[in-house]
Amino acid sequence: MRVAAAVLIMVVAFMDFFAGAYYLVGGRVENWFGHGAAMVDEDETAAVLLVHGLERSALGSLFLVLTGLAIATGVELLRRQSSGLVICTGLLQILGDAGSVYLRGTVHGTNLVAFIASVLIIIVALSHSYHQPSSGLTSTAAS
């Protein structure tokens, strides 16, 4: 289960990278159009575009940070270390996907995959077997 969670979170890191780029670029474009609308005295439209642009840019930045965290989490899962990082990444991933669903208004398959991966890595981090060394490396004392 640990290896499956590590592979799945690496796939989610790939998706996070593209989601981050999409939201960051989309947010910057909305800000640009918002500033253009403000120049022609469409204050209400400009304000809406600026707020949406800032929300998208913030979410894009979060997804780009999550890309690095997800890669580090996958490595830590394979090395059986740092359950704190794994839990933190899982919770941030759930937060990022909730923000994505909020902005788009719909749930997509990528959100479901990321949510399943997040829950899986949290379960693995909290499981008892994650912290035990593998059976081949332990030594028993002869009595």
C-alpha atoms as a PDB file:
ATOM      1  CA  MET A   1       0.000   0.000   0.000  1.00  0.00           C
ATOM      2  CA  ARG A   2       2.937   2.303   0.730  1.00  0.00           C
ATOM      3  CA  VAL A   3       4.392   1.856  -2.764  1.00  0.00           C
ATOM      4  CA  ALA A   4       0.988   2.328  -4.397  1.00  0.00           C
ATOM      5  CA  ALA A   5       0.511   5.552  -2.438  1.00  0.00           C
ATOM      6  CA  ALA A   6       3.979   6.755  -3.482  1.00  0.00           C
ATOM      7  CA  VAL A   7       3.295   6.081  -7.169  1.00  0.00           C
ATOM      8  CA  LEU A   8      -0.145   7.669  -6.994  1.00  0.00           C
ATOM      9  CA  ILE A   9       1.153  10.827  -5.315  1.00  0.00           C
ATOM     10  CA  MET A  10       3.851  11.103  -8.014  1.00  0.00           C
ATOM     11  CA  VAL A  11       1.081  11.018 -10.646  1.00  0.00           C
ATOM     12  CA  VAL A  12      -0.753  13.693  -8.667  1.00  0.00           C
ATOM     13  CA  ALA A  13       2.449  15.784  -8.662  1.00  0.00           C
ATOM     14  CA  PHE A  14       2.412  15.663 -12.460  1.00  0.00           C
ATOM     15  CA  MET A  15      -1.229  16.799 -12.493  1.00  0.00           C
ATOM     16  CA  ASP A  16      -0.493  19.515  -9.909  1.00  0.00           C
ATOM     17  CA  PHE A  17       2.205  20.985 -12.121  1.00  0.00           C
ATOM     18  CA  PHE A  18      -0.151  21.446 -15.048  1.00  0.00           C
ATOM     19  CA  ALA A  19      -3.004  22.644 -12.836  1.00  0.00           C
ATOM     20  CA  GLY A  20      -0.665  25.185 -11.248  1.00  0.00           C
ATOM     21  CA  ALA A  21       0.486  26.472 -14.614  1.00  0.00           C
ATOM     22  CA  TYR A  22      -3.124  26.657 -15.851  1.00  0.00           C
ATOM     23  CA  TYR A  23      -4.404  28.569 -12.840  1.00  0.00           C
ATOM     24  CA  LEU A  24      -1.391  30.868 -12.609  1.00  0.00           C
ATOM     25  CA  VAL A  25      -1.481  31.847 -16.279  1.00  0.00           C
ATOM     26  CA  GLY A  26      -5.291  32.062 -16.258  1.00  0.00           C
ATOM     27  CA  GLY A  27      -5.192  34.275 -13.190  1.00  0.00           C
ATOM     28  CA  ARG A  28      -2.641  36.597 -14.741  1.00  0.00           C
ATOM     29  CA  VAL A  29      -4.752  36.872 -17.914  1.00  0.00           C
ATOM     30  CA  GLU A  30      -7.863  37.694 -15.869  1.00  0.00           C
ATOM     31  CA  ASN A  31      -5.899  40.352 -13.999  1.00  0.00           C
ATOM     32  CA  TRP A  32      -4.755  41.800 -17.308  1.00  0.00           C
ATOM     33  CA  PHE A  33      -8.335  41.943 -18.610  1.00  0.00           C
ATOM     34  CA  GLY A  34      -9.455  43.382 -15.270  1.00  0.00           C
ATOM     35  CA  HIS A  35      -6.975  46.225 -15.575  1.00  0.00           C
ATOM     36  CA  GLY A  36      -8.143  46.788 -19.164  1.00  0.00           C
ATOM     37  CA  ALA A  37     -11.781  46.946 -18.053  1.00  0.00           C
ATOM     38  CA  ALA A  38     -10.839  49.429 -15.329  1.00  0.00           C
ATOM     39  CA  MET A  39      -9.311  51.715 -17.963  1.00  0.00           C
ATOM     40  CA  VAL A  40     -12.617  51.938 -19.849  1.00  0.00           C
ATOM     41  CA  ASP A  41     -14.623  52.657 -16.662  1.00  0.00           C
ATOM     42  CA  GLU A  42     -16.280  49.268 -16.258  1.00  0.00           C
ATOM     43  CA  ASP A  43     -15.627  49.211 -12.527  1.00  0.00           C
ATOM     44  CA  GLU A  44     -17.879  46.285 -11.616  1.00  0.00           C
ATOM     45  CA  THR A  45     -16.481  44.031 -14.346  1.00  0.00           C
ATOM     46  CA  ALA A  46     -12.951  45.072 -13.483  1.00  0.00           C
ATOM     47  CA  ALA A  47     -13.410  44.278  -9.804  1.00  0.00           C
ATOM     48  CA  VAL A  48     -14.836  40.830 -10.541  1.00  0.00           C
ATOM     49  CA  LEU A  49     -12.031  40.013 -12.981  1.00  0.00           C
ATOM     50  CA  LEU A  50      -9.369  41.209 -10.562  1.00  0.00           C
ATOM     51  CA  VAL A  51     -10.744  39.144  -7.674  1.00  0.00           C
ATOM     52  CA  HIS A  52     -11.107  36.029  -9.829  1.00  0.00           C
ATOM     53  CA  GLY A  53      -7.622  36.589 -11.189  1.00  0.00           C
ATOM     54  CA  LEU A  54      -6.138  36.819  -7.715  1.00  0.00           C
ATOM     55  CA  GLU A  55      -7.985  33.676  -6.603  1.00  0.00           C
ATOM     56  CA  ARG A  56      -6.741  31.742  -9.624  1.00  0.00           C
ATOM     57  CA  SER A  57      -3.178  33.017  -9.195  1.00  0.00           C
ATOM     58  CA  ALA A  58      -3.139  32.028  -5.532  1.00  0.00           C
ATOM     59  CA  LEU A  59      -4.485  28.564  -6.316  1.00  0.00           C
ATOM     60  CA  GLY A  60      -1.948  28.174  -9.129  1.00  0.00           C
ATOM     61  CA  SER A  61       0.865  29.064  -6.749  1.00  0.00           C
ATOM     62  CA  LEU A  62      -0.448  26.529  -4.218  1.00  0.00           C
ATOM     63  CA  PHE A  63      -0.514  23.802  -6.876  1.00  0.00           C
ATOM     64  CA  LEU A  64       3.052  24.596  -7.944  1.00  0.00           C
ATOM     65  CA  VAL A  65       4.195  24.322  -4.318  1.00  0.00           C
ATOM     66  CA  LEU A  66       2.222  21.085  -4.001  1.00  0.00           C
ATOM     67  CA  THR A  67       4.106  19.715  -7.011  1.00  0.00           C
ATOM     68  CA  GLY A  68       7.369  19.841  -5.093  1.00  0.00           C
ATOM     69  CA  LEU A  69       5.781  18.607  -1.885  1.00  0.00           C
ATOM     70  CA  ALA A  70       4.141  15.668  -3.674  1.00  0.00           C
ATOM     71  CA  ILE A  71       7.459  14.594  -5.202  1.00  0.00           C
ATOM     72  CA  ALA A  72       9.164  14.834  -1.818  1.00  0.00           C
ATOM     73  CA  THR A  73       6.286  12.921  -0.241  1.00  0.00           C
ATOM     74  CA  GLY A  74       6.575  10.121  -2.792  1.00  0.00           C
ATOM     75  CA  VAL A  75      10.278   9.787  -2.035  1.00  0.00           C
ATOM     76  CA  GLU A  76       9.658   9.860   1.717  1.00  0.00           C
ATOM     77  CA  LEU A  77       6.989   7.179   1.403  1.00  0.00           C
ATOM     78  CA  LEU A  78       9.412   4.934  -0.468  1.00  0.00           C
ATOM     79  CA  ARG A  79      12.108   5.567   2.146  1.00  0.00           C
ATOM     80  CA  ARG A  80       9.630   5.113   5.066  1.00  0.00           C
ATOM     81  CA  GLN A  81      10.512   8.431   6.673  1.00  0.00           C
ATOM     82  CA  SER A  82       8.925  11.710   7.766  1.00  0.00           C
ATOM     83  CA  SER A  83       5.266  10.937   8.355  1.00  0.00           C
ATOM     84  CA  GLY A  84       4.713  14.609   9.301  1.00  0.00           C
ATOM     85  CA  LEU A  85       5.556  15.739   5.763  1.00  0.00           C
ATOM     86  CA  VAL A  86       3.303  13.069   4.312  1.00  0.00           C
ATOM     87  CA  ILE A  87       0.307  14.099   6.439  1.00  0.00           C
ATOM     88  CA  CYS A  88       0.895  17.809   5.752  1.00  0.00           C
ATOM     89  CA  THR A  89       1.082  17.195   2.006  1.00  0.00           C
ATOM     90  CA  GLY A  90      -2.104  15.142   2.100  1.00  0.00           C
ATOM     91  CA  LEU A  91      -4.004  17.872   3.933  1.00  0.00           C
ATOM     92  CA  LEU A  92      -2.693  20.620   1.626  1.00  0.00           C
ATOM     93  CA  GLN A  93      -3.603  18.517  -1.397  1.00  0.00           C
ATOM     94  CA  ILE A  94      -7.180  18.194  -0.135  1.00  0.00           C
ATOM     95  CA  LEU A  95      -7.276  21.970   0.441  1.00  0.00           C
ATOM     96  CA  GLY A  96      -5.995  22.659  -3.079  1.00  0.00           C
ATOM     97  CA  ASP A  97      -8.542  20.354  -4.662  1.00  0.00           C
ATOM     98  CA  ALA A  98     -11.349  21.924  -2.633  1.00  0.00           C
ATOM     99  CA  GLY A  99     -10.232  25.330  -3.948  1.00  0.00           C
ATOM    100  CA  SER A 100     -10.194  23.995  -7.484  1.00  0.00           C
ATOM    101  CA  VAL A 101     -13.714  22.620  -7.142  1.00  0.00           C
ATOM    102  CA  TYR A 102     -14.828  25.945  -5.644  1.00  0.00           C
ATOM    103  CA  LEU A 103     -13.406  27.985  -8.537  1.00  0.00           C
ATOM    104  CA  ARG A 104     -14.693  25.705 -11.301  1.00  0.00           C
ATOM    105  CA  GLY A 105     -17.959  24.763  -9.645  1.00  0.00           C
ATOM    106  CA  THR A 106     -17.663  21.117 -10.723  1.00  0.00           C
ATOM    107  CA  VAL A 107     -15.736  18.018  -9.687  1.00  0.00           C
ATOM    108  CA  HIS A 108     -13.466  16.496 -12.345  1.00  0.00           C
ATOM    109  CA  GLY A 109     -11.630  13.198 -12.471  1.00  0.00           C
ATOM    110  CA  THR A 110      -8.353  14.849 -11.536  1.00  0.00           C
ATOM    111  CA  ASN A 111      -9.907  16.084  -8.309  1.00  0.00           C
ATOM    112  CA  LEU A 112     -11.056  12.576  -7.474  1.00  0.00           C
ATOM    113  CA  VAL A 113      -7.640  11.044  -8.189  1.00  0.00           C
ATOM    114  CA  ALA A 114      -5.911  13.671  -6.064  1.00  0.00           C
ATOM    115  CA  PHE A 115      -8.411  13.230  -3.227  1.00  0.00           C
ATOM    116  CA  ILE A 116      -7.986   9.442  -3.249  1.00  0.00           C
ATOM    117  CA  ALA A 117      -4.191   9.826  -3.285  1.00  0.00           C
ATOM    118  CA  SER A 118      -4.338  12.314  -0.415  1.00  0.00           C
ATOM    119  CA  VAL A 119      -6.498  10.078   1.737  1.00  0.00           C
ATOM    120  CA  LEU A 120      -4.316   7.074   0.887  1.00  0.00           C
ATOM    121  CA  ILE A 121      -1.057   8.762   1.880  1.00  0.00           C
ATOM    122  CA  ILE A 122      -2.604  10.003   5.132  1.00  0.00           C
ATOM    123  CA  ILE A 123      -3.772   6.463   5.931  1.00  0.00           C
ATOM    124  CA  VAL A 124      -0.321   5.082   5.122  1.00  0.00           C
ATOM    125  CA  ALA A 125       1.363   7.720   7.285  1.00  0.00           C
ATOM    126  CA  LEU A 126      -0.901   6.946  10.207  1.00  0.00           C
ATOM    127  CA  SER A 127      -0.684   3.174   9.817  1.00  0.00           C
ATOM    128  CA  HIS A 128       1.386   1.145  12.233  1.00  0.00           C
ATOM    129  CA  SER A 129       3.240  -0.821   9.550  1.00  0.00           C
ATOM    130  CA  TYR A 130       4.662   2.364   8.028  1.00  0.00           C
ATOM    131  CA  HIS A 131       6.884   2.944  11.050  1.00  0.00           C
ATOM    132  CA  GLN A 132       8.134  -0.621  11.478  1.00  0.00           C
ATOM    133  CA  PRO A 133      11.353  -1.685   9.733  1.00  0.00           C
ATOM    134  CA  SER A 134      11.021  -4.332   7.059  1.00  0.00           C
ATOM    135  CA  SER A 135      11.259  -7.931   8.249  1.00  0.00           C
ATOM    136  CA  GLY A 136      14.453  -8.718   6.311  1.00  0.00           C
ATOM    137  CA  LEU A 137      16.526  -6.106   8.106  1.00  0.00           C
ATOM    138  CA  THR A 138      15.709  -6.898  11.730  1.00  0.00           C
ATOM    139  CA  SER A 139      17.910  -9.066  13.844  1.00  0.00           C
ATOM    140  CA  THR A 140      16.825 -11.176  16.773  1.00  0.00           C
ATOM    141  CA  ALA A 141      18.909 -11.699  19.851  1.00  0.00           C
ATOM    142  CA  ALA A 142      19.593 -15.338  20.757  1.00  0.00           C
ATOM    143  CA  SER A 143      18.621 -16.122  24.310  1.00  0.00           C
END
